[in-house]
Structures are given as structure tokens and as C-alpha cells.
Amino acid sequence: MAFNRGFLYAGASNIVFALSKIPDNANNSRLMQYLFEEIILHEQTDYAVALRDAKLRLIEEQVDIESFSWALLGIIGC
């Protein structure tokens, strides 16, 4: 939380964070792509809902992604 708190003090309104190291691969980047699509294209203003929808989309597509890769992601902010 200390690292995330620095961003909040600096003025960030929302922070997507991981509880541990996540491998940098195509499936994990797809999750971030889906997250940004929810926020930008679908104009989702509730970022927690956008993250949940992005995770559900990966599950629905049956993408070969380890659950520890996306389950450890969270969001702090408004």
C-alpha cells in the first residue's frame, strides 16, 4: 500500500495494482486491453466494474490465462 499511496498523494485518482509480480505475456496484456476498452469505448466510469468486466470477458473467451495472473489485480481510487 505504501507504493500506491505515493501515487494517490501525487494526484492519481485511480490505480490498478498487482499484489505480486505478474508475468508479462500476451494474455495479461489482453486483460489490460479489455480494461481500457471498458473505460474508453464503453465509457465505464466505475473502474472497479470495468476491471471486473475485463476479467469476466477473459473467462468467457476461455483464454488460456492462469488465474493467478488476473486474480491478483485490484484497483484503488474513486
Protein backbone atom coordinates (compact mmCIF):
# COMPACT_ATOMS: atom_id res chain seq x y z
CA MET A 1 0.00 0.00 0.00
CA ALA A 2 2.88 2.40 0.64
CA PHE A 3 3.89 2.48 -3.04
CA ASN A 4 0.30 3.02 -4.17
CA ARG A 5 -0.20 5.74 -1.58
CA GLY A 6 2.53 7.80 -3.21
CA PHE A 7 0.59 7.89 -6.44
CA LEU A 8 -2.58 8.88 -4.61
CA TYR A 9 -0.75 11.72 -2.84
CA ALA A 10 0.64 12.82 -6.22
CA GLY A 11 -2.90 13.23 -7.52
CA ALA A 12 -3.77 9.93 -9.24
CA SER A 13 -7.47 9.23 -8.89
CA ASN A 14 -7.30 5.50 -9.71
CA ILE A 15 -4.53 2.94 -9.54
CA VAL A 16 -4.59 -0.57 -10.97
CA PHE A 17 -2.14 -2.66 -8.97
CA ALA A 18 -0.97 -6.23 -8.60
CA LEU A 19 -0.47 -7.93 -5.27
CA SER A 20 2.59 -9.75 -6.63
CA LYS A 21 4.66 -9.97 -9.79
CA ILE A 22 2.62 -10.87 -12.88
CA PRO A 23 4.24 -12.42 -15.96
CA ASP A 24 4.42 -10.12 -18.97
CA ASN A 25 2.73 -12.13 -21.72
CA ALA A 26 0.08 -11.69 -24.39
CA ASN A 27 -2.82 -12.86 -22.20
CA ASN A 28 -2.03 -10.41 -19.43
CA SER A 29 -1.72 -7.58 -21.93
CA ARG A 30 -5.10 -8.66 -23.32
CA LEU A 31 -6.60 -8.13 -19.87
CA MET A 32 -5.28 -4.58 -19.81
CA GLN A 33 -6.57 -4.03 -23.34
CA TYR A 34 -10.03 -5.18 -22.26
CA LEU A 35 -9.86 -2.93 -19.20
CA PHE A 36 -9.07 0.13 -21.29
CA GLU A 37 -11.77 -0.81 -23.80
CA GLU A 38 -14.30 -0.90 -20.97
CA ILE A 39 -13.19 2.50 -19.74
CA ILE A 40 -12.74 4.28 -23.08
CA LEU A 41 -15.03 2.58 -25.60
CA HIS A 42 -17.88 1.64 -23.29
CA GLU A 43 -17.42 4.80 -21.22
CA GLN A 44 -17.47 2.84 -17.97
CA THR A 45 -16.84 5.34 -15.19
CA ASP A 46 -16.79 2.80 -12.36
CA TYR A 47 -13.29 1.42 -12.74
CA ALA A 48 -13.84 -1.49 -10.37
CA VAL A 49 -16.74 -2.63 -12.56
CA ALA A 50 -14.59 -2.14 -15.66
CA LEU A 51 -11.86 -4.36 -14.18
CA ARG A 52 -14.42 -6.99 -13.22
CA ASP A 53 -15.94 -6.92 -16.72
CA ALA A 54 -12.50 -7.28 -18.29
CA LYS A 55 -11.76 -10.32 -16.10
CA LEU A 56 -15.14 -11.86 -16.94
CA ARG A 57 -14.50 -11.31 -20.63
CA LEU A 58 -11.27 -13.32 -20.37
CA ILE A 59 -13.11 -16.11 -18.60
CA GLU A 60 -15.93 -16.12 -21.17
CA GLU A 61 -13.46 -16.32 -24.04
CA GLN A 62 -11.73 -19.21 -22.27
CA VAL A 63 -8.40 -17.58 -22.83
CA ASP A 64 -5.53 -19.74 -21.63
CA ILE A 65 -4.57 -17.50 -18.74
CA GLU A 66 -3.54 -18.59 -15.30
CA SER A 67 -5.95 -17.36 -12.66
CA PHE A 68 -3.10 -16.03 -10.52
CA SER A 69 -2.29 -13.61 -13.33
CA TRP A 70 -5.57 -11.73 -13.20
CA ALA A 71 -6.89 -12.61 -9.75
CA LEU A 72 -4.13 -10.60 -8.09
CA LEU A 73 -5.10 -7.37 -9.85
CA GLY A 74 -7.02 -4.77 -7.91
CA ILE A 75 -7.95 -1.13 -8.11
CA ILE A 76 -7.72 1.72 -5.65
CA GLY A 77 -9.48 5.02 -6.07
CA CYS A 78 -12.78 6.57 -6.95
